[in-house]
Structure formats: C-alpha cells, structure tokens
Amino acid sequence: YVGVRVGDVLKQGRYEPQRCYHFPQVDRRRNAKIDVYQHVGSCVVAVDPDTKSTHDVSVTSVDPAFPAMRLKVNVQSKSEDSGKQQREAKTKALKSQAKDYLAKHSIEERLSEA
C-alpha cells in the first residue's frame, strides 16, 4: 500500500506501478511525502451513530512474523444528538413528501378502485 501527501491532501491505495495520483494545484513549491505500508492485519468494528460503545478487538495476521494485536476501540458520534435529530427530521420530511404525493395524485383511491 502507498500513501501520498501533498499539503493537506492525502491519497492512499494499493500499490500499482501505473497508478497516477492527482492533487489540487499548489500555490507554492511543496514537497510530496510518500509512505509505503505493509498490511499487517485486519479486524471489524461495528459503528452505530446512535450508540456510544467500546470494543476490545483482536487484529490477526496471516504472517507469523506479526503476532495478534489487541486494540481497545471507542466509538461515538462527534455530536450524538444532532446527528440523530437530523436523521429523524429528514425521515419526517420524506414521509411528508410521500403522503403529499399520494394525496395529490389520488393513488390510494385508484388502488382501492382496482
């Protein structure tokens, strides 16, 4: 894997010799930082924006040179209430739009007549 940073922009991906990374125009001379990574292991952590949680996870590797690692992962929304309130407001607005559409086009009456 490779990571390329120019200024505040970071692009990461699997190393492919032919891949080009495109960055926004720079306003002055800058250095690009290139990092090459080796994939050590993976794990999966459940993320629920409505719930604050802590997980103890194990990252296992297929390479015996790297022993399993234990990680403690804390998950929480940046602002717990505002995200939930925004989703609820969006859901309410979509329901209202759907009801208005059904009423405007008399969909329920047409279905009951069929």
PDB file of N, CA and C in Angstrom:
ATOM      1  N   TYR A   1       0.843  -1.171   0.000  1.00  0.00           N
ATOM      2  CA  TYR A   1       0.000   0.000   0.000  1.00  0.00           C
ATOM      3  C   TYR A   1       0.888   1.235   0.000  1.00  0.00           C
ATOM      4  N   VAL A   2       0.335   2.316  -0.532  1.00  0.00           N
ATOM      5  CA  VAL A   2       1.109   3.544  -0.621  1.00  0.00           C
ATOM      6  C   VAL A   2       0.214   4.716  -0.208  1.00  0.00           C
ATOM      7  N   GLY A   3       0.830   5.698   0.432  1.00  0.00           N
ATOM      8  CA  GLY A   3       0.149   6.933   0.780  1.00  0.00           C
ATOM      9  C   GLY A   3       0.964   8.091   0.243  1.00  0.00           C
ATOM     10  N   VAL A   4       0.305   9.028  -0.424  1.00  0.00           N
ATOM     11  CA  VAL A   4       0.988  10.192  -0.988  1.00  0.00           C
ATOM     12  C   VAL A   4       0.292  11.440  -0.445  1.00  0.00           C
ATOM     13  N   ARG A   5       1.069  12.329   0.190  1.00  0.00           N
ATOM     14  CA  ARG A   5       0.511  13.556   0.754  1.00  0.00           C
ATOM     15  C   ARG A   5       1.177  14.757   0.104  1.00  0.00           C
ATOM     16  N   VAL A   6       0.341  15.695  -0.352  1.00  0.00           N
ATOM     17  CA  VAL A   6       0.811  16.989  -0.837  1.00  0.00           C
ATOM     18  C   VAL A   6      -0.001  18.032  -0.080  1.00  0.00           C
ATOM     19  N   GLY A   7       0.656  18.773   0.792  1.00  0.00           N
ATOM     20  CA  GLY A   7      -0.061  19.741   1.627  1.00  0.00           C
ATOM     21  C   GLY A   7      -0.997  19.015   2.575  1.00  0.00           C
ATOM     22  N   ASP A   8      -2.274  19.401   2.557  1.00  0.00           N
ATOM     23  CA  ASP A   8      -3.267  18.786   3.433  1.00  0.00           C
ATOM     24  C   ASP A   8      -3.993  17.619   2.779  1.00  0.00           C
ATOM     25  N   VAL A   9      -3.690  17.304   1.536  1.00  0.00           N
ATOM     26  CA  VAL A   9      -4.405  16.260   0.801  1.00  0.00           C
ATOM     27  C   VAL A   9      -3.610  14.962   0.833  1.00  0.00           C
ATOM     28  N   LEU A  10      -4.262  13.882   1.291  1.00  0.00           N
ATOM     29  CA  LEU A  10      -3.643  12.563   1.367  1.00  0.00           C
ATOM     30  C   LEU A  10      -4.416  11.604   0.478  1.00  0.00           C
ATOM     31  N   LYS A  11      -3.714  10.880  -0.376  1.00  0.00           N
ATOM     32  CA  LYS A  11      -4.315   9.843  -1.226  1.00  0.00           C
ATOM     33  C   LYS A  11      -3.658   8.525  -0.849  1.00  0.00           C
ATOM     34  N   GLN A  12      -4.471   7.496  -0.633  1.00  0.00           N
ATOM     35  CA  GLN A  12      -3.956   6.183  -0.263  1.00  0.00           C
ATOM     36  C   GLN A  12      -4.559   5.125  -1.163  1.00  0.00           C
ATOM     37  N   GLY A  13      -3.824   4.037  -1.354  1.00  0.00           N
ATOM     38  CA  GLY A  13      -4.350   2.932  -2.142  1.00  0.00           C
ATOM     39  C   GLY A  13      -3.355   1.800  -2.224  1.00  0.00           C
ATOM     40  N   ARG A  14      -3.818   0.726  -2.818  1.00  0.00           N
ATOM     41  CA  ARG A  14      -2.941  -0.417  -3.048  1.00  0.00           C
ATOM     42  C   ARG A  14      -1.878   0.005  -4.061  1.00  0.00           C
ATOM     43  N   TYR A  15      -0.653  -0.424  -3.854  1.00  0.00           N
ATOM     44  CA  TYR A  15       0.428  -0.039  -4.760  1.00  0.00           C
ATOM     45  C   TYR A  15       0.201  -0.645  -6.133  1.00  0.00           C
ATOM     46  N   GLU A  16       0.141   0.207  -7.123  1.00  0.00           N
ATOM     47  CA  GLU A  16       0.049  -0.204  -8.522  1.00  0.00           C
ATOM     48  C   GLU A  16       1.021   0.685  -9.290  1.00  0.00           C
ATOM     49  N   PRO A  17       2.019   0.102  -9.955  1.00  0.00           N
ATOM     50  CA  PRO A  17       3.056   0.910 -10.613  1.00  0.00           C
ATOM     51  C   PRO A  17       2.519   1.918 -11.625  1.00  0.00           C
ATOM     52  N   GLN A  18       1.387   1.635 -12.256  1.00  0.00           N
ATOM     53  CA  GLN A  18       0.874   2.524 -13.294  1.00  0.00           C
ATOM     54  C   GLN A  18      -0.105   3.574 -12.765  1.00  0.00           C
ATOM     55  N   ARG A  19      -0.463   3.520 -11.482  1.00  0.00           N
ATOM     56  CA  ARG A  19      -1.456   4.442 -10.930  1.00  0.00           C
ATOM     57  C   ARG A  19      -0.877   5.845 -10.797  1.00  0.00           C
ATOM     58  N   CYS A  20      -1.676   6.834 -11.193  1.00  0.00           N
ATOM     59  CA  CYS A  20      -1.315   8.243 -11.029  1.00  0.00           C
ATOM     60  C   CYS A  20      -2.225   8.854  -9.967  1.00  0.00           C
ATOM     61  N   TYR A  21      -1.672   9.664  -9.116  1.00  0.00           N
ATOM     62  CA  TYR A  21      -2.449  10.385  -8.116  1.00  0.00           C
ATOM     63  C   TYR A  21      -2.506  11.847  -8.535  1.00  0.00           C
ATOM     64  N   HIS A  22      -3.699  12.405  -8.557  1.00  0.00           N
ATOM     65  CA  HIS A  22      -3.894  13.796  -8.968  1.00  0.00           C
ATOM     66  C   HIS A  22      -4.236  14.628  -7.738  1.00  0.00           C
ATOM     67  N   PHE A  23      -3.598  15.777  -7.628  1.00  0.00           N
ATOM     68  CA  PHE A  23      -3.784  16.657  -6.486  1.00  0.00           C
ATOM     69  C   PHE A  23      -4.201  18.037  -6.960  1.00  0.00           C
ATOM     70  N   PRO A  24      -4.869  18.809  -6.085  1.00  0.00           N
ATOM     71  CA  PRO A  24      -5.198  20.190  -6.452  1.00  0.00           C
ATOM     72  C   PRO A  24      -3.926  20.992  -6.699  1.00  0.00           C
ATOM     73  N   GLN A  25      -4.058  22.028  -7.506  1.00  0.00           N
ATOM     74  CA  GLN A  25      -2.923  22.900  -7.829  1.00  0.00           C
ATOM     75  C   GLN A  25      -2.353  23.492  -6.549  1.00  0.00           C
ATOM     76  N   VAL A  26      -1.046  23.498  -6.419  1.00  0.00           N
ATOM     77  CA  VAL A  26      -0.400  24.097  -5.247  1.00  0.00           C
ATOM     78  C   VAL A  26      -0.037  25.544  -5.551  1.00  0.00           C
ATOM     79  N   ASP A  27      -0.089  26.384  -4.513  1.00  0.00           N
ATOM     80  CA  ASP A  27       0.180  27.807  -4.706  1.00  0.00           C
ATOM     81  C   ASP A  27       1.653  28.163  -4.578  1.00  0.00           C
ATOM     82  N   ARG A  28       2.449  27.223  -4.077  1.00  0.00           N
ATOM     83  CA  ARG A  28       3.889  27.456  -3.945  1.00  0.00           C
ATOM     84  C   ARG A  28       4.600  26.112  -3.996  1.00  0.00           C
ATOM     85  N   ARG A  29       5.909  26.163  -4.029  1.00  0.00           N
ATOM     86  CA  ARG A  29       6.700  24.930  -4.078  1.00  0.00           C
ATOM     87  C   ARG A  29       6.465  24.126  -2.803  1.00  0.00           C
ATOM     88  N   ARG A  30       6.212  22.821  -2.956  1.00  0.00           N
ATOM     89  CA  ARG A  30       5.971  21.935  -1.820  1.00  0.00           C
ATOM     90  C   ARG A  30       6.672  20.617  -2.052  1.00  0.00           C
ATOM     91  N   ASN A  31       6.852  19.870  -0.992  1.00  0.00           N
ATOM     92  CA  ASN A  31       7.358  18.508  -1.088  1.00  0.00           C
ATOM     93  C   ASN A  31       6.188  17.545  -0.941  1.00  0.00           C
ATOM     94  N   ALA A  32       6.246  16.459  -1.671  1.00  0.00           N
ATOM     95  CA  ALA A  32       5.260  15.391  -1.512  1.00  0.00           C
ATOM     96  C   ALA A  32       5.864  14.351  -0.584  1.00  0.00           C
ATOM     97  N   LYS A  33       5.059  13.850   0.336  1.00  0.00           N
ATOM     98  CA  LYS A  33       5.521  12.797   1.233  1.00  0.00           C
ATOM     99  C   LYS A  33       4.908  11.488   0.758  1.00  0.00           C
ATOM    100  N   ILE A  34       5.743  10.479   0.552  1.00  0.00           N
ATOM    101  CA  ILE A  34       5.282   9.177   0.079  1.00  0.00           C
ATOM    102  C   ILE A  34       5.597   8.141   1.148  1.00  0.00           C
ATOM    103  N   ASP A  35       4.565   7.440   1.613  1.00  0.00           N
ATOM    104  CA  ASP A  35       4.715   6.368   2.595  1.00  0.00           C
ATOM    105  C   ASP A  35       4.357   5.050   1.935  1.00  0.00           C
ATOM    106  N   VAL A  36       5.148   4.020   2.215  1.00  0.00           N
ATOM    107  CA  VAL A  36       4.860   2.671   1.721  1.00  0.00           C
ATOM    108  C   VAL A  36       4.507   1.828   2.938  1.00  0.00           C
ATOM    109  N   TYR A  37       3.343   1.168   2.876  1.00  0.00           N
ATOM    110  CA  TYR A  37       2.829   0.403   4.004  1.00  0.00           C
ATOM    111  C   TYR A  37       2.811  -1.089   3.697  1.00  0.00           C
ATOM    112  N   GLN A  38       2.920  -1.871   4.758  1.00  0.00           N
ATOM    113  CA  GLN A  38       2.723  -3.315   4.641  1.00  0.00           C
ATOM    114  C   GLN A  38       1.473  -3.644   5.445  1.00  0.00           C
ATOM    115  N   HIS A  39       0.552  -4.374   4.835  1.00  0.00           N
ATOM    116  CA  HIS A  39      -0.679  -4.765   5.513  1.00  0.00           C
ATOM    117  C   HIS A  39      -0.346  -5.822   6.561  1.00  0.00           C
ATOM    118  N   VAL A  40      -0.599  -5.505   7.818  1.00  0.00           N
ATOM    119  CA  VAL A  40      -0.266  -6.409   8.915  1.00  0.00           C
ATOM    120  C   VAL A  40      -1.467  -7.259   9.299  1.00  0.00           C
ATOM    121  N   GLY A  41      -2.640  -6.687   9.345  1.00  0.00           N
ATOM    122  CA  GLY A  41      -3.824  -7.443   9.736  1.00  0.00           C
ATOM    123  C   GLY A  41      -5.067  -6.595   9.639  1.00  0.00           C
ATOM    124  N   SER A  42      -6.202  -7.223   9.956  1.00  0.00           N
ATOM    125  CA  SER A  42      -7.489  -6.546   9.866  1.00  0.00           C
ATOM    126  C   SER A  42      -8.396  -6.991  10.998  1.00  0.00           C
ATOM    127  N   CYS A  43      -9.384  -6.156  11.283  1.00  0.00           N
ATOM    128  CA  CYS A  43     -10.462  -6.527  12.188  1.00  0.00           C
ATOM    129  C   CYS A  43     -11.677  -5.698  11.793  1.00  0.00           C
ATOM    130  N   VAL A  44     -12.831  -6.072  12.317  1.00  0.00           N
ATOM    131  CA  VAL A  44     -14.074  -5.371  12.015  1.00  0.00           C
ATOM    132  C   VAL A  44     -14.635  -4.818  13.318  1.00  0.00           C
ATOM    133  N   VAL A  45     -15.075  -3.561  13.283  1.00  0.00           N
ATOM    134  CA  VAL A  45     -15.673  -2.916  14.444  1.00  0.00           C
ATOM    135  C   VAL A  45     -17.020  -2.348  14.026  1.00  0.00           C
ATOM    136  N   ALA A  46     -18.074  -2.669  14.785  1.00  0.00           N
ATOM    137  CA  ALA A  46     -19.408  -2.141  14.499  1.00  0.00           C
ATOM    138  C   ALA A  46     -19.455  -0.665  14.873  1.00  0.00           C
ATOM    139  N   VAL A  47     -20.014   0.154  13.980  1.00  0.00           N
ATOM    140  CA  VAL A  47     -20.130   1.591  14.210  1.00  0.00           C
ATOM    141  C   VAL A  47     -21.592   1.972  14.068  1.00  0.00           C
ATOM    142  N   ASP A  48     -22.191   2.447  15.163  1.00  0.00           N
ATOM    143  CA  ASP A  48     -23.581   2.885  15.163  1.00  0.00           C
ATOM    144  C   ASP A  48     -23.598   4.342  15.599  1.00  0.00           C
ATOM    145  N   PRO A  49     -24.060   5.257  14.743  1.00  0.00           N
ATOM    146  CA  PRO A  49     -24.015   6.678  15.095  1.00  0.00           C
ATOM    147  C   PRO A  49     -24.906   7.038  16.281  1.00  0.00           C
ATOM    148  N   ASP A  50     -25.866   6.162  16.627  1.00  0.00           N
ATOM    149  CA  ASP A  50     -26.776   6.454  17.729  1.00  0.00           C
ATOM    150  C   ASP A  50     -26.277   5.923  19.069  1.00  0.00           C
ATOM    151  N   THR A  51     -25.189   5.154  19.072  1.00  0.00           N
ATOM    152  CA  THR A  51     -24.735   4.493  20.287  1.00  0.00           C
ATOM    153  C   THR A  51     -23.257   4.756  20.538  1.00  0.00           C
ATOM    154  N   LYS A  52     -22.936   5.080  21.775  1.00  0.00           N
ATOM    155  CA  LYS A  52     -21.542   5.200  22.196  1.00  0.00           C
ATOM    156  C   LYS A  52     -21.125   3.824  22.695  1.00  0.00           C
ATOM    157  N   SER A  53     -19.981   3.310  22.229  1.00  0.00           N
ATOM    158  CA  SER A  53     -19.584   1.960  22.616  1.00  0.00           C
ATOM    159  C   SER A  53     -18.071   1.828  22.683  1.00  0.00           C
ATOM    160  N   THR A  54     -17.633   0.777  23.388  1.00  0.00           N
ATOM    161  CA  THR A  54     -16.224   0.422  23.491  1.00  0.00           C
ATOM    162  C   THR A  54     -16.083  -1.035  23.085  1.00  0.00           C
ATOM    163  N   HIS A  55     -15.099  -1.318  22.246  1.00  0.00           N
ATOM    164  CA  HIS A  55     -14.875  -2.679  21.757  1.00  0.00           C
ATOM    165  C   HIS A  55     -13.434  -3.092  22.026  1.00  0.00           C
ATOM    166  N   ASP A  56     -13.251  -4.304  22.502  1.00  0.00           N
ATOM    167  CA  ASP A  56     -11.926  -4.921  22.580  1.00  0.00           C
ATOM    168  C   ASP A  56     -11.834  -5.860  21.394  1.00  0.00           C
ATOM    169  N   VAL A  57     -10.942  -5.564  20.458  1.00  0.00           N
ATOM    170  CA  VAL A  57     -10.852  -6.354  19.229  1.00  0.00           C
ATOM    171  C   VAL A  57      -9.460  -6.950  19.088  1.00  0.00           C
ATOM    172  N   SER A  58      -9.405  -8.018  18.323  1.00  0.00           N
ATOM    173  CA  SER A  58      -8.135  -8.677  18.040  1.00  0.00           C
ATOM    174  C   SER A  58      -7.838  -8.526  16.557  1.00  0.00           C
ATOM    175  N   VAL A  59      -6.654  -8.046  16.244  1.00  0.00           N
ATOM    176  CA  VAL A  59      -6.214  -7.915  14.856  1.00  0.00           C
ATOM    177  C   VAL A  59      -5.289  -9.092  14.587  1.00  0.00           C
ATOM    178  N   THR A  60      -5.732  -9.970  13.705  1.00  0.00           N
ATOM    179  CA  THR A  60      -4.931 -11.155  13.404  1.00  0.00           C
ATOM    180  C   THR A  60      -4.216 -10.978  12.079  1.00  0.00           C
ATOM    181  N   SER A  61      -3.064 -11.609  11.976  1.00  0.00           N
ATOM    182  CA  SER A  61      -2.258 -11.517  10.770  1.00  0.00           C
ATOM    183  C   SER A  61      -2.051 -12.907  10.198  1.00  0.00           C
ATOM    184  N   VAL A  62      -1.993 -12.995   8.875  1.00  0.00           N
ATOM    185  CA  VAL A  62      -1.679 -14.273   8.235  1.00  0.00           C
ATOM    186  C   VAL A  62      -0.178 -14.510   8.233  1.00  0.00           C
ATOM    187  N   ASP A  63       0.591 -13.474   8.504  1.00  0.00           N
ATOM    188  CA  ASP A  63       2.049 -13.578   8.553  1.00  0.00           C
ATOM    189  C   ASP A  63       2.478 -13.914   9.981  1.00  0.00           C
ATOM    190  N   PRO A  64       3.125 -15.055  10.193  1.00  0.00           N
ATOM    191  CA  PRO A  64       3.526 -15.432  11.556  1.00  0.00           C
ATOM    192  C   PRO A  64       4.555 -14.487  12.178  1.00  0.00           C
ATOM    193  N   ALA A  65       5.176 -13.636  11.389  1.00  0.00           N
ATOM    194  CA  ALA A  65       6.141 -12.679  11.930  1.00  0.00           C
ATOM    195  C   ALA A  65       5.444 -11.604  12.767  1.00  0.00           C
ATOM    196  N   PHE A  66       4.126 -11.430  12.574  1.00  0.00           N
ATOM    197  CA  PHE A  66       3.362 -10.431  13.314  1.00  0.00           C
ATOM    198  C   PHE A  66       2.383 -11.134  14.238  1.00  0.00           C
ATOM    199  N   PRO A  67       2.578 -11.030  15.546  1.00  0.00           N
ATOM    200  CA  PRO A  67       1.638 -11.660  16.479  1.00  0.00           C
ATOM    201  C   PRO A  67       0.311 -10.903  16.478  1.00  0.00           C
ATOM    202  N   ALA A  68      -0.731 -11.550  16.975  1.00  0.00           N
ATOM    203  CA  ALA A  68      -2.039 -10.903  17.070  1.00  0.00           C
ATOM    204  C   ALA A  68      -1.940  -9.692  17.991  1.00  0.00           C
ATOM    205  N   MET A  69      -2.664  -8.641  17.653  1.00  0.00           N
ATOM    206  CA  MET A  69      -2.675  -7.421  18.458  1.00  0.00           C
ATOM    207  C   MET A  69      -4.058  -7.247  19.061  1.00  0.00           C
ATOM    208  N   ARG A  70      -4.115  -6.730  20.277  1.00  0.00           N
ATOM    209  CA  ARG A  70      -5.382  -6.401  20.927  1.00  0.00           C
ATOM    210  C   ARG A  70      -5.527  -4.881  20.914  1.00  0.00           C
ATOM    211  N   LEU A  71      -6.690  -4.422  20.503  1.00  0.00           N
ATOM    212  CA  LEU A  71      -6.966  -2.983  20.469  1.00  0.00           C
ATOM    213  C   LEU A  71      -8.236  -2.692  21.255  1.00  0.00           C
ATOM    214  N   LYS A  72      -8.260  -1.561  21.935  1.00  0.00           N
ATOM    215  CA  LYS A  72      -9.471  -1.077  22.581  1.00  0.00           C
ATOM    216  C   LYS A  72      -9.955   0.100  21.743  1.00  0.00           C
ATOM    217  N   VAL A  73     -11.154  -0.014  21.196  1.00  0.00           N
ATOM    218  CA  VAL A  73     -11.677   0.986  20.265  1.00  0.00           C
ATOM    219  C   VAL A  73     -12.911   1.640  20.874  1.00  0.00           C
ATOM    220  N   ASN A  74     -12.877   2.961  21.019  1.00  0.00           N
ATOM    221  CA  ASN A  74     -14.030   3.729  21.488  1.00  0.00           C
ATOM    222  C   ASN A  74     -14.728   4.331  20.280  1.00  0.00           C
ATOM    223  N   VAL A  75     -16.054   4.153  20.213  1.00  0.00           N
ATOM    224  CA  VAL A  75     -16.843   4.654  19.087  1.00  0.00           C
ATOM    225  C   VAL A  75     -17.907   5.594  19.633  1.00  0.00           C
ATOM    226  N   GLN A  76     -17.948   6.817  19.091  1.00  0.00           N
ATOM    227  CA  GLN A  76     -19.011   7.744  19.448  1.00  0.00           C
ATOM    228  C   GLN A  76     -19.137   8.790  18.359  1.00  0.00           C
ATOM    229  N   SER A  77     -20.344   9.316  18.213  1.00  0.00           N
ATOM    230  CA  SER A  77     -20.581  10.370  17.236  1.00  0.00           C
ATOM    231  C   SER A  77     -19.907  11.647  17.690  1.00  0.00           C
ATOM    232  N   LYS A  78     -19.598  12.480  16.724  1.00  0.00           N
ATOM    233  CA  LYS A  78     -18.999  13.774  17.038  1.00  0.00           C
ATOM    234  C   LYS A  78     -19.960  14.576  17.917  1.00  0.00           C
ATOM    235  N   SER A  79     -21.215  14.624  17.520  1.00  0.00           N
ATOM    236  CA  SER A  79     -22.269  15.227  18.341  1.00  0.00           C
ATOM    237  C   SER A  79     -23.440  14.260  18.307  1.00  0.00           C
ATOM    238  N   GLU A  80     -23.641  13.576  19.402  1.00  0.00           N
ATOM    239  CA  GLU A  80     -24.592  12.470  19.440  1.00  0.00           C
ATOM    240  C   GLU A  80     -26.009  12.891  19.082  1.00  0.00           C
ATOM    241  N   ASP A  81     -26.525  13.960  19.682  1.00  0.00           N
ATOM    242  CA  ASP A  81     -27.916  14.325  19.487  1.00  0.00           C
ATOM    243  C   ASP A  81     -28.201  14.931  18.128  1.00  0.00           C
ATOM    244  N   SER A  82     -27.307  15.775  17.616  1.00  0.00           N
ATOM    245  CA  SER A  82     -27.590  16.476  16.368  1.00  0.00           C
ATOM    246  C   SER A  82     -27.695  15.516  15.189  1.00  0.00           C
ATOM    247  N   GLY A  83     -26.868  14.476  15.144  1.00  0.00           N
ATOM    248  CA  GLY A  83     -26.943  13.513  14.048  1.00  0.00           C
ATOM    249  C   GLY A  83     -28.253  12.761  14.056  1.00  0.00           C
ATOM    250  N   LYS A  84     -28.678  12.329  15.225  1.00  0.00           N
ATOM    251  CA  LYS A  84     -29.941  11.598  15.344  1.00  0.00           C
ATOM    252  C   LYS A  84     -31.112  12.512  15.000  1.00  0.00           C
ATOM    253  N   GLN A  85     -31.074  13.744  15.485  1.00  0.00           N
ATOM    254  CA  GLN A  85     -32.142  14.695  15.194  1.00  0.00           C
ATOM    255  C   GLN A  85     -32.213  15.004  13.705  1.00  0.00           C
ATOM    256  N   GLN A  86     -31.068  15.128  13.049  1.00  0.00           N
ATOM    257  CA  GLN A  86     -31.057  15.396  11.612  1.00  0.00           C
ATOM    258  C   GLN A  86     -31.670  14.234  10.848  1.00  0.00           C
ATOM    259  N   ARG A  87     -31.326  12.984  11.227  1.00  0.00           N
ATOM    260  CA  ARG A  87     -31.891  11.816  10.548  1.00  0.00           C
ATOM    261  C   ARG A  87     -33.401  11.742  10.755  1.00  0.00           C
ATOM    262  N   GLU A  88     -33.853  12.026  11.994  1.00  0.00           N
ATOM    263  CA  GLU A  88     -35.284  12.000  12.274  1.00  0.00           C
ATOM    264  C   GLU A  88     -36.016  13.078  11.484  1.00  0.00           C
ATOM    265  N   ALA A  89     -35.444  14.268  11.393  1.00  0.00           N
ATOM    266  CA  ALA A  89     -36.064  15.358  10.638  1.00  0.00           C
ATOM    267  C   ALA A  89     -36.129  15.014   9.151  1.00  0.00           C
ATOM    268  N   LYS A  90     -35.063  14.411   8.628  1.00  0.00           N
ATOM    269  CA  LYS A  90     -35.045  14.027   7.218  1.00  0.00           C
ATOM    270  C   LYS A  90     -36.090  12.951   6.944  1.00  0.00           C
ATOM    271  N   THR A  91     -36.198  11.967   7.847  1.00  0.00           N
ATOM    272  CA  THR A  91     -37.192  10.905   7.696  1.00  0.00           C
ATOM    273  C   THR A  91     -38.597  11.486   7.721  1.00  0.00           C
ATOM    274  N   LYS A  92     -38.845  12.411   8.652  1.00  0.00           N
ATOM    275  CA  LYS A  92     -40.162  13.041   8.755  1.00  0.00           C
ATOM    276  C   LYS A  92     -40.494  13.814   7.475  1.00  0.00           C
ATOM    277  N   ALA A  93     -39.523  14.540   6.935  1.00  0.00           N
ATOM    278  CA  ALA A  93     -39.743  15.306   5.706  1.00  0.00           C
ATOM    279  C   ALA A  93     -40.033  14.382   4.526  1.00  0.00           C
ATOM    280  N   LEU A  94     -39.297  13.269   4.429  1.00  0.00           N
ATOM    281  CA  LEU A  94     -39.533  12.327   3.331  1.00  0.00           C
ATOM    282  C   LEU A  94     -40.910  11.687   3.439  1.00  0.00           C
ATOM    283  N   LYS A  95     -41.338  11.345   4.656  1.00  0.00           N
ATOM    284  CA  LYS A  95     -42.677  10.775   4.848  1.00  0.00           C
ATOM    285  C   LYS A  95     -43.741  11.777   4.431  1.00  0.00           C
ATOM    286  N   SER A  96     -43.540  13.027   4.804  1.00  0.00           N
ATOM    287  CA  SER A  96     -44.490  14.077   4.457  1.00  0.00           C
ATOM    288  C   SER A  96     -44.578  14.257   2.941  1.00  0.00           C
ATOM    289  N   GLN A  97     -43.427  14.243   2.266  1.00  0.00           N
ATOM    290  CA  GLN A  97     -43.416  14.365   0.803  1.00  0.00           C
ATOM    291  C   GLN A  97     -44.139  13.191   0.158  1.00  0.00           C
ATOM    292  N   ALA A  98     -43.930  11.991   0.680  1.00  0.00           N
ATOM    293  CA  ALA A  98     -44.584  10.805   0.117  1.00  0.00           C
ATOM    294  C   ALA A  98     -46.094  10.897   0.296  1.00  0.00           C
ATOM    295  N   LYS A  99     -46.560  11.318   1.478  1.00  0.00           N
ATOM    296  CA  LYS A  99     -48.001  11.454   1.721  1.00  0.00           C
ATOM    297  C   LYS A  99     -48.604  12.515   0.809  1.00  0.00           C
ATOM    298  N   ASP A 100     -47.904  13.635   0.628  1.00  0.00           N
ATOM    299  CA  ASP A 100     -48.385  14.689  -0.265  1.00  0.00           C
ATOM    300  C   ASP A 100     -48.512  14.180  -1.696  1.00  0.00           C
ATOM    301  N   TYR A 101     -47.536  13.397  -2.148  1.00  0.00           N
ATOM    302  CA  TYR A 101     -47.563  12.841  -3.499  1.00  0.00           C
ATOM    303  C   TYR A 101     -48.757  11.907  -3.660  1.00  0.00           C
ATOM    304  N   LEU A 102     -48.951  11.021  -2.674  1.00  0.00           N
ATOM    305  CA  LEU A 102     -50.075  10.080  -2.740  1.00  0.00           C
ATOM    306  C   LEU A 102     -51.404  10.822  -2.788  1.00  0.00           C
ATOM    307  N   ALA A 103     -51.551  11.875  -1.985  1.00  0.00           N
ATOM    308  CA  ALA A 103     -52.792  12.642  -1.962  1.00  0.00           C
ATOM    309  C   ALA A 103     -52.974  13.429  -3.261  1.00  0.00           C
ATOM    310  N   LYS A 104     -51.938  14.051  -3.745  1.00  0.00           N
ATOM    311  CA  LYS A 104     -52.015  14.881  -4.956  1.00  0.00           C
ATOM    312  C   LYS A 104     -52.437  14.065  -6.170  1.00  0.00           C
ATOM    313  N   HIS A 105     -51.937  12.851  -6.280  1.00  0.00           N
ATOM    314  CA  HIS A 105     -52.219  12.021  -7.448  1.00  0.00           C
ATOM    315  C   HIS A 105     -53.307  10.980  -7.189  1.00  0.00           C
ATOM    316  N   SER A 106     -53.986  11.078  -6.068  1.00  0.00           N
ATOM    317  CA  SER A 106     -55.093  10.178  -5.708  1.00  0.00           C
ATOM    318  C   SER A 106     -54.708   8.709  -5.859  1.00  0.00           C
ATOM    319  N   ILE A 107     -53.537   8.354  -5.427  1.00  0.00           N
ATOM    320  CA  ILE A 107     -53.029   6.986  -5.578  1.00  0.00           C
ATOM    321  C   ILE A 107     -53.859   6.003  -4.766  1.00  0.00           C
ATOM    322  N   GLU A 108     -54.200   6.350  -3.523  1.00  0.00           N
ATOM    323  CA  GLU A 108     -54.955   5.424  -2.679  1.00  0.00           C
ATOM    324  C   GLU A 108     -56.327   5.133  -3.273  1.00  0.00           C
ATOM    325  N   GLU A 109     -56.995   6.151  -3.812  1.00  0.00           N
ATOM    326  CA  GLU A 109     -58.314   5.950  -4.412  1.00  0.00           C
ATOM    327  C   GLU A 109     -58.211   5.051  -5.648  1.00  0.00           C
ATOM    328  N   ARG A 110     -57.193   5.279  -6.457  1.00  0.00           N
ATOM    329  CA  ARG A 110     -57.009   4.460  -7.660  1.00  0.00           C
ATOM    330  C   ARG A 110     -56.744   3.005  -7.301  1.00  0.00           C
ATOM    331  N   LEU A 111     -55.956   2.780  -6.261  1.00  0.00           N
ATOM    332  CA  LEU A 111     -55.674   1.403  -5.848  1.00  0.00           C
ATOM    333  C   LEU A 111     -56.917   0.728  -5.280  1.00  0.00           C
ATOM    334  N   SER A 112     -57.746   1.479  -4.553  1.00  0.00           N
ATOM    335  CA  SER A 112     -58.947   0.871  -3.973  1.00  0.00           C
ATOM    336  C   SER A 112     -59.974   0.538  -5.057  1.00  0.00           C
ATOM    337  N   GLU A 113     -59.969   1.276  -6.175  1.00  0.00           N
ATOM    338  CA  GLU A 113     -60.891   1.008  -7.279  1.00  0.00           C
ATOM    339  C   GLU A 113     -60.437  -0.162  -8.140  1.00  0.00           C
ATOM    340  N   ALA A 114     -59.171  -0.520  -8.103  1.00  0.00           N
ATOM    341  CA  ALA A 114     -58.640  -1.570  -8.966  1.00  0.00           C
ATOM    342  C   ALA A 114     -59.053  -2.954  -8.512  1.00  0.00           C
TER     343      ALA A 114
END
